[in-house]
Amino acid sequence: MAEQPVHLEAMREALAMADCDHLAFLAHSLKGAAATLCAPLLREACLDLERAAKSGLLDQAGAAFPAMEEAMADVLIAMRGKLTTTSA
């Protein structure tokens, strides 16, 4: 998950460049990580983004991106909190 900010930037770039294949690939990869971490809201947001990108629906992908980004931020905050609590 530490590399996810870089992946988010790559996803933004793929969206801006209308590279639906790459965007779908990145969303799929993040969806898998979210499933592994038991982060269902992030997984669902990634699924929405992946489906839109695979369908070539850039407007829908653009609309789905903020929800995925927000879910990612929530997961990262929770993970940092857990790490802080565990190491204390």
N, C-alpha and C. Protein backbone atom coordinates (compact mmCIF):
# COMPACT_ATOMS: atom_id res chain seq x y z
N MET A 1 0.82 -1.20 0.00
CA MET A 1 0.00 0.00 0.00
C MET A 1 0.86 1.26 0.00
N ALA A 2 2.09 1.14 0.40
CA ALA A 2 2.96 2.32 0.46
C ALA A 2 3.16 2.95 -0.91
N GLU A 3 3.10 2.15 -1.97
CA GLU A 3 3.32 2.68 -3.31
C GLU A 3 2.05 3.25 -3.93
N GLN A 4 0.94 3.19 -3.23
CA GLN A 4 -0.32 3.61 -3.82
C GLN A 4 -0.39 5.09 -4.22
N PRO A 5 0.23 6.03 -3.50
CA PRO A 5 0.20 7.40 -4.00
C PRO A 5 0.79 7.53 -5.40
N VAL A 6 1.81 6.75 -5.71
CA VAL A 6 2.39 6.76 -7.06
C VAL A 6 1.37 6.17 -8.03
N HIS A 7 0.68 5.11 -7.62
CA HIS A 7 -0.33 4.50 -8.48
C HIS A 7 -1.49 5.45 -8.70
N LEU A 8 -1.87 6.21 -7.69
CA LEU A 8 -2.95 7.18 -7.86
C LEU A 8 -2.57 8.22 -8.91
N GLU A 9 -1.33 8.66 -8.86
CA GLU A 9 -0.87 9.63 -9.86
C GLU A 9 -0.89 9.01 -11.26
N ALA A 10 -0.48 7.75 -11.36
CA ALA A 10 -0.53 7.06 -12.65
C ALA A 10 -1.97 6.91 -13.13
N MET A 11 -2.89 6.69 -12.20
CA MET A 11 -4.30 6.58 -12.56
C MET A 11 -4.84 7.93 -13.04
N ARG A 12 -4.45 9.00 -12.37
CA ARG A 12 -4.86 10.34 -12.81
C ARG A 12 -4.35 10.62 -14.22
N GLU A 13 -3.10 10.25 -14.45
CA GLU A 13 -2.49 10.47 -15.76
C GLU A 13 -3.19 9.63 -16.83
N ALA A 14 -3.48 8.38 -16.53
CA ALA A 14 -4.19 7.52 -17.49
C ALA A 14 -5.56 8.09 -17.80
N LEU A 15 -6.24 8.60 -16.81
CA LEU A 15 -7.55 9.22 -17.01
C LEU A 15 -7.41 10.46 -17.89
N ALA A 16 -6.44 11.29 -17.59
CA ALA A 16 -6.23 12.51 -18.37
C ALA A 16 -5.84 12.22 -19.82
N MET A 17 -5.13 11.12 -20.03
CA MET A 17 -4.68 10.75 -21.38
C MET A 17 -5.70 9.85 -22.09
N ALA A 18 -6.82 9.59 -21.44
CA ALA A 18 -7.86 8.72 -21.98
C ALA A 18 -7.32 7.32 -22.29
N ASP A 19 -6.42 6.85 -21.44
CA ASP A 19 -5.83 5.51 -21.60
C ASP A 19 -6.65 4.54 -20.75
N CYS A 20 -7.76 4.13 -21.31
CA CYS A 20 -8.70 3.28 -20.56
C CYS A 20 -8.09 1.93 -20.19
N ASP A 21 -7.28 1.36 -21.07
CA ASP A 21 -6.68 0.06 -20.77
C ASP A 21 -5.78 0.13 -19.55
N HIS A 22 -4.92 1.15 -19.50
CA HIS A 22 -4.01 1.29 -18.37
C HIS A 22 -4.77 1.63 -17.09
N LEU A 23 -5.77 2.49 -17.22
CA LEU A 23 -6.58 2.85 -16.06
C LEU A 23 -7.30 1.62 -15.50
N ALA A 24 -7.85 0.80 -16.38
CA ALA A 24 -8.52 -0.42 -15.93
C ALA A 24 -7.54 -1.36 -15.24
N PHE A 25 -6.34 -1.48 -15.80
CA PHE A 25 -5.31 -2.33 -15.20
C PHE A 25 -4.95 -1.85 -13.80
N LEU A 26 -4.72 -0.55 -13.66
CA LEU A 26 -4.35 0.01 -12.35
C LEU A 26 -5.48 -0.13 -11.34
N ALA A 27 -6.71 0.12 -11.78
CA ALA A 27 -7.86 -0.01 -10.89
C ALA A 27 -8.02 -1.47 -10.46
N HIS A 28 -7.81 -2.38 -11.38
CA HIS A 28 -7.90 -3.81 -11.07
C HIS A 28 -6.83 -4.21 -10.04
N SER A 29 -5.62 -3.71 -10.22
CA SER A 29 -4.54 -4.01 -9.28
C SER A 29 -4.86 -3.50 -7.88
N LEU A 30 -5.34 -2.27 -7.81
CA LEU A 30 -5.69 -1.69 -6.51
C LEU A 30 -6.88 -2.42 -5.90
N LYS A 31 -7.81 -2.85 -6.73
CA LYS A 31 -8.96 -3.62 -6.24
C LYS A 31 -8.49 -4.89 -5.55
N GLY A 32 -7.51 -5.56 -6.12
CA GLY A 32 -6.96 -6.77 -5.51
C GLY A 32 -6.30 -6.48 -4.17
N ALA A 33 -5.55 -5.39 -4.11
CA ALA A 33 -4.91 -5.01 -2.84
C ALA A 33 -5.97 -4.70 -1.79
N ALA A 34 -7.03 -4.00 -2.21
CA ALA A 34 -8.10 -3.66 -1.28
C ALA A 34 -8.80 -4.91 -0.76
N ALA A 35 -9.01 -5.88 -1.63
CA ALA A 35 -9.64 -7.13 -1.20
C ALA A 35 -8.75 -7.86 -0.20
N THR A 36 -7.45 -7.86 -0.45
CA THR A 36 -6.50 -8.52 0.45
C THR A 36 -6.52 -7.86 1.82
N LEU A 37 -6.69 -6.55 1.85
CA LEU A 37 -6.70 -5.80 3.10
C LEU A 37 -8.07 -5.76 3.78
N CYS A 38 -9.04 -6.42 3.17
CA CYS A 38 -10.42 -6.38 3.70
C CYS A 38 -10.91 -4.94 3.80
N ALA A 39 -10.75 -4.21 2.69
CA ALA A 39 -11.21 -2.82 2.59
C ALA A 39 -12.33 -2.78 1.54
N PRO A 40 -13.56 -3.17 1.93
CA PRO A 40 -14.63 -3.33 0.94
C PRO A 40 -15.05 -2.04 0.23
N LEU A 41 -15.01 -0.91 0.91
CA LEU A 41 -15.40 0.33 0.24
C LEU A 41 -14.40 0.70 -0.85
N LEU A 42 -13.13 0.52 -0.57
CA LEU A 42 -12.11 0.78 -1.58
C LEU A 42 -12.23 -0.22 -2.72
N ARG A 43 -12.47 -1.47 -2.39
CA ARG A 43 -12.62 -2.49 -3.43
C ARG A 43 -13.78 -2.16 -4.36
N GLU A 44 -14.91 -1.76 -3.79
CA GLU A 44 -16.08 -1.41 -4.61
C GLU A 44 -15.81 -0.17 -5.47
N ALA A 45 -15.13 0.81 -4.90
CA ALA A 45 -14.80 2.02 -5.66
C ALA A 45 -13.87 1.69 -6.83
N CYS A 46 -12.93 0.80 -6.59
CA CYS A 46 -12.02 0.37 -7.65
C CYS A 46 -12.76 -0.41 -8.72
N LEU A 47 -13.70 -1.23 -8.30
CA LEU A 47 -14.50 -2.00 -9.25
C LEU A 47 -15.30 -1.07 -10.15
N ASP A 48 -15.90 -0.05 -9.58
CA ASP A 48 -16.65 0.93 -10.38
C ASP A 48 -15.74 1.61 -11.40
N LEU A 49 -14.56 2.01 -10.95
CA LEU A 49 -13.61 2.66 -11.83
C LEU A 49 -13.13 1.70 -12.92
N GLU A 50 -12.83 0.48 -12.54
CA GLU A 50 -12.36 -0.52 -13.50
C GLU A 50 -13.43 -0.79 -14.57
N ARG A 51 -14.66 -0.98 -14.15
CA ARG A 51 -15.75 -1.24 -15.10
C ARG A 51 -15.93 -0.09 -16.07
N ALA A 52 -15.91 1.13 -15.56
CA ALA A 52 -16.06 2.30 -16.43
C ALA A 52 -14.91 2.36 -17.44
N ALA A 53 -13.70 2.14 -16.97
CA ALA A 53 -12.54 2.20 -17.86
C ALA A 53 -12.59 1.09 -18.91
N LYS A 54 -12.95 -0.12 -18.50
CA LYS A 54 -13.04 -1.23 -19.45
C LYS A 54 -14.11 -0.98 -20.51
N SER A 55 -15.14 -0.23 -20.14
CA SER A 55 -16.21 0.09 -21.07
C SER A 55 -15.90 1.32 -21.91
N GLY A 56 -14.76 1.96 -21.63
CA GLY A 56 -14.39 3.17 -22.36
C GLY A 56 -15.21 4.39 -21.99
N LEU A 57 -15.83 4.36 -20.83
CA LEU A 57 -16.69 5.45 -20.38
C LEU A 57 -15.87 6.42 -19.53
N LEU A 58 -15.17 7.32 -20.20
CA LEU A 58 -14.26 8.23 -19.50
C LEU A 58 -14.99 9.16 -18.54
N ASP A 59 -16.17 9.65 -18.93
CA ASP A 59 -16.93 10.52 -18.02
C ASP A 59 -17.30 9.78 -16.74
N GLN A 60 -17.73 8.53 -16.90
CA GLN A 60 -18.09 7.72 -15.74
C GLN A 60 -16.85 7.39 -14.91
N ALA A 61 -15.73 7.11 -15.57
CA ALA A 61 -14.48 6.84 -14.86
C ALA A 61 -14.05 8.08 -14.08
N GLY A 62 -14.17 9.24 -14.71
CA GLY A 62 -13.82 10.49 -14.04
C GLY A 62 -14.70 10.75 -12.84
N ALA A 63 -15.97 10.36 -12.94
CA ALA A 63 -16.89 10.54 -11.82
C ALA A 63 -16.60 9.53 -10.70
N ALA A 64 -16.11 8.34 -11.06
CA ALA A 64 -15.82 7.30 -10.07
C ALA A 64 -14.49 7.55 -9.36
N PHE A 65 -13.59 8.29 -9.99
CA PHE A 65 -12.25 8.47 -9.44
C PHE A 65 -12.24 9.12 -8.05
N PRO A 66 -12.99 10.20 -7.82
CA PRO A 66 -12.94 10.82 -6.48
C PRO A 66 -13.39 9.88 -5.35
N ALA A 67 -14.38 9.03 -5.60
CA ALA A 67 -14.82 8.08 -4.57
C ALA A 67 -13.72 7.08 -4.26
N MET A 68 -13.03 6.63 -5.31
CA MET A 68 -11.92 5.69 -5.10
C MET A 68 -10.80 6.38 -4.33
N GLU A 69 -10.51 7.60 -4.70
CA GLU A 69 -9.44 8.36 -4.03
C GLU A 69 -9.78 8.60 -2.56
N GLU A 70 -11.02 8.91 -2.28
CA GLU A 70 -11.45 9.14 -0.89
C GLU A 70 -11.37 7.83 -0.09
N ALA A 71 -11.82 6.74 -0.70
CA ALA A 71 -11.75 5.44 -0.01
C ALA A 71 -10.31 5.06 0.26
N MET A 72 -9.42 5.35 -0.68
CA MET A 72 -7.99 5.07 -0.51
C MET A 72 -7.44 5.88 0.65
N ALA A 73 -7.79 7.15 0.71
CA ALA A 73 -7.32 8.00 1.81
C ALA A 73 -7.79 7.46 3.16
N ASP A 74 -9.04 7.01 3.22
CA ASP A 74 -9.57 6.45 4.47
C ASP A 74 -8.79 5.20 4.89
N VAL A 75 -8.48 4.35 3.93
CA VAL A 75 -7.72 3.13 4.23
C VAL A 75 -6.33 3.47 4.73
N LEU A 76 -5.67 4.42 4.07
CA LEU A 76 -4.32 4.81 4.49
C LEU A 76 -4.32 5.41 5.89
N ILE A 77 -5.32 6.22 6.19
CA ILE A 77 -5.44 6.81 7.53
C ILE A 77 -5.63 5.70 8.57
N ALA A 78 -6.51 4.76 8.27
CA ALA A 78 -6.75 3.65 9.20
C ALA A 78 -5.49 2.81 9.41
N MET A 79 -4.77 2.57 8.33
CA MET A 79 -3.54 1.78 8.45
C MET A 79 -2.49 2.51 9.28
N ARG A 80 -2.35 3.82 9.04
CA ARG A 80 -1.39 4.60 9.84
C ARG A 80 -1.78 4.59 11.31
N GLY A 81 -3.08 4.72 11.58
CA GLY A 81 -3.55 4.68 12.96
C GLY A 81 -3.27 3.34 13.61
N LYS A 82 -3.47 2.27 12.88
CA LYS A 82 -3.20 0.94 13.40
C LYS A 82 -1.72 0.75 13.66
N LEU A 83 -0.88 1.23 12.75
CA LEU A 83 0.58 1.12 12.95
C LEU A 83 1.04 1.92 14.16
N THR A 84 0.46 3.10 14.34
CA THR A 84 0.82 3.95 15.47
C THR A 84 0.40 3.29 16.78
N THR A 85 -0.81 2.72 16.79
CA THR A 85 -1.32 2.06 17.99
C THR A 85 -0.51 0.81 18.32
N THR A 86 -0.15 0.07 17.30
CA THR A 86 0.59 -1.17 17.50
C THR A 86 2.01 -0.91 17.99
N SER A 87 2.65 0.14 17.49
CA SER A 87 4.04 0.41 17.86
C SER A 87 4.17 1.17 19.18
N ALA A 88 3.05 1.64 19.71
CA ALA A 88 3.11 2.40 20.96
C ALA A 88 3.15 1.52 22.18
